[in-house]
Structures are given as structure tokens and as C-alpha cells.
């Protein structure tokens, strides 16, 4: 079983982990991708 992390890096200040999950198949689920995208939008909104 593999673990995967979706993150966004902002060099010289921080690395933000958006989502971490265990992969059971080759394909990343839509739920995991949607959750990471939602968190990225929230983070960008918070940082601006």
C-alpha cells in the first residue's frame, strides 16, 4: 500500500500539506482530488 501527499510549496516560508491518503489503486479518487483542490482554494484565500 502506498501513501501519497498532495501539497503546495511556498519557498522560503512554508510548505502546506493539503491532503494525505493511502492509495489502494493506481488512480487517485475524485474525492481526494476535490478535497485537495478545496483546501488549496481556502488556503489561497486565507493567505491573500
C-alpha atoms as a PDB file:
ATOM      1  CA  UNK A   1       0.000   0.000   0.000  1.00  0.00           C
ATOM      2  CA  UNK A   2       1.326   3.434  -0.918  1.00  0.00           C
ATOM      3  CA  UNK A   3       0.836   6.728   0.874  1.00  0.00           C
ATOM      4  CA  UNK A   4       0.547   9.901  -1.173  1.00  0.00           C
ATOM      5  CA  UNK A   5       0.615  13.551  -0.218  1.00  0.00           C
ATOM      6  CA  UNK A   6      -0.788  16.484  -2.163  1.00  0.00           C
ATOM      7  CA  UNK A   7       0.957  19.694  -1.203  1.00  0.00           C
ATOM      8  CA  UNK A   8       1.685  23.217  -2.338  1.00  0.00           C
ATOM      9  CA  UNK A   9       5.116  24.667  -1.665  1.00  0.00           C
ATOM     10  CA  UNK A  10       5.748  28.299  -0.940  1.00  0.00           C
ATOM     11  CA  UNK A  11       9.516  28.517  -0.903  1.00  0.00           C
ATOM     12  CA  UNK A  12      11.363  30.305   1.901  1.00  0.00           C
ATOM     13  CA  UNK A  13       8.307  30.491   4.166  1.00  0.00           C
ATOM     14  CA  UNK A  14       6.394  27.215   4.466  1.00  0.00           C
ATOM     15  CA  UNK A  15       5.160  24.034   2.847  1.00  0.00           C
ATOM     16  CA  UNK A  16       1.412  23.471   3.132  1.00  0.00           C
ATOM     17  CA  UNK A  17       0.133  19.888   3.165  1.00  0.00           C
ATOM     18  CA  UNK A  18      -3.312  19.878   1.591  1.00  0.00           C
ATOM     19  CA  UNK A  19      -4.153  16.183   1.843  1.00  0.00           C
ATOM     20  CA  UNK A  20      -2.518  12.869   2.689  1.00  0.00           C
ATOM     21  CA  UNK A  21      -4.046   9.479   1.906  1.00  0.00           C
ATOM     22  CA  UNK A  22      -3.287   5.804   1.342  1.00  0.00           C
ATOM     23  CA  UNK A  23      -3.637   4.623  -2.228  1.00  0.00           C
ATOM     24  CA  UNK A  24      -5.229   1.269  -2.805  1.00  0.00           C
ATOM     25  CA  UNK A  25      -5.482   1.574  -6.599  1.00  0.00           C
ATOM     26  CA  UNK A  26      -3.482   3.179  -9.423  1.00  0.00           C
ATOM     27  CA  UNK A  27      -5.970   6.029  -9.833  1.00  0.00           C
ATOM     28  CA  UNK A  28      -6.388   8.872  -7.346  1.00  0.00           C
ATOM     29  CA  UNK A  29     -10.051   9.178  -6.435  1.00  0.00           C
ATOM     30  CA  UNK A  30     -12.097  12.214  -7.430  1.00  0.00           C
ATOM     31  CA  UNK A  31     -12.951  12.719  -3.756  1.00  0.00           C
ATOM     32  CA  UNK A  32      -9.259  13.047  -2.826  1.00  0.00           C
ATOM     33  CA  UNK A  33      -8.541  15.432  -5.713  1.00  0.00           C
ATOM     34  CA  UNK A  34     -11.631  17.550  -4.968  1.00  0.00           C
ATOM     35  CA  UNK A  35     -10.747  17.760  -1.276  1.00  0.00           C
ATOM     36  CA  UNK A  36      -7.188  18.902  -2.054  1.00  0.00           C
ATOM     37  CA  UNK A  37      -8.492  21.486  -4.550  1.00  0.00           C
ATOM     38  CA  UNK A  38     -10.987  22.821  -1.993  1.00  0.00           C
ATOM     39  CA  UNK A  39      -8.267  23.135   0.642  1.00  0.00           C
ATOM     40  CA  UNK A  40      -5.948  24.882  -1.834  1.00  0.00           C
ATOM     41  CA  UNK A  41      -8.646  27.455  -2.652  1.00  0.00           C
ATOM     42  CA  UNK A  42      -9.239  28.053   1.068  1.00  0.00           C
ATOM     43  CA  UNK A  43      -5.505  28.429   1.707  1.00  0.00           C
ATOM     44  CA  UNK A  44      -5.018  30.900  -1.153  1.00  0.00           C
ATOM     45  CA  UNK A  45      -7.978  32.925   0.135  1.00  0.00           C
ATOM     46  CA  UNK A  46      -6.512  32.933   3.657  1.00  0.00           C
ATOM     47  CA  UNK A  47      -3.020  33.954   2.503  1.00  0.00           C
ATOM     48  CA  UNK A  48      -4.231  36.904   0.398  1.00  0.00           C
END
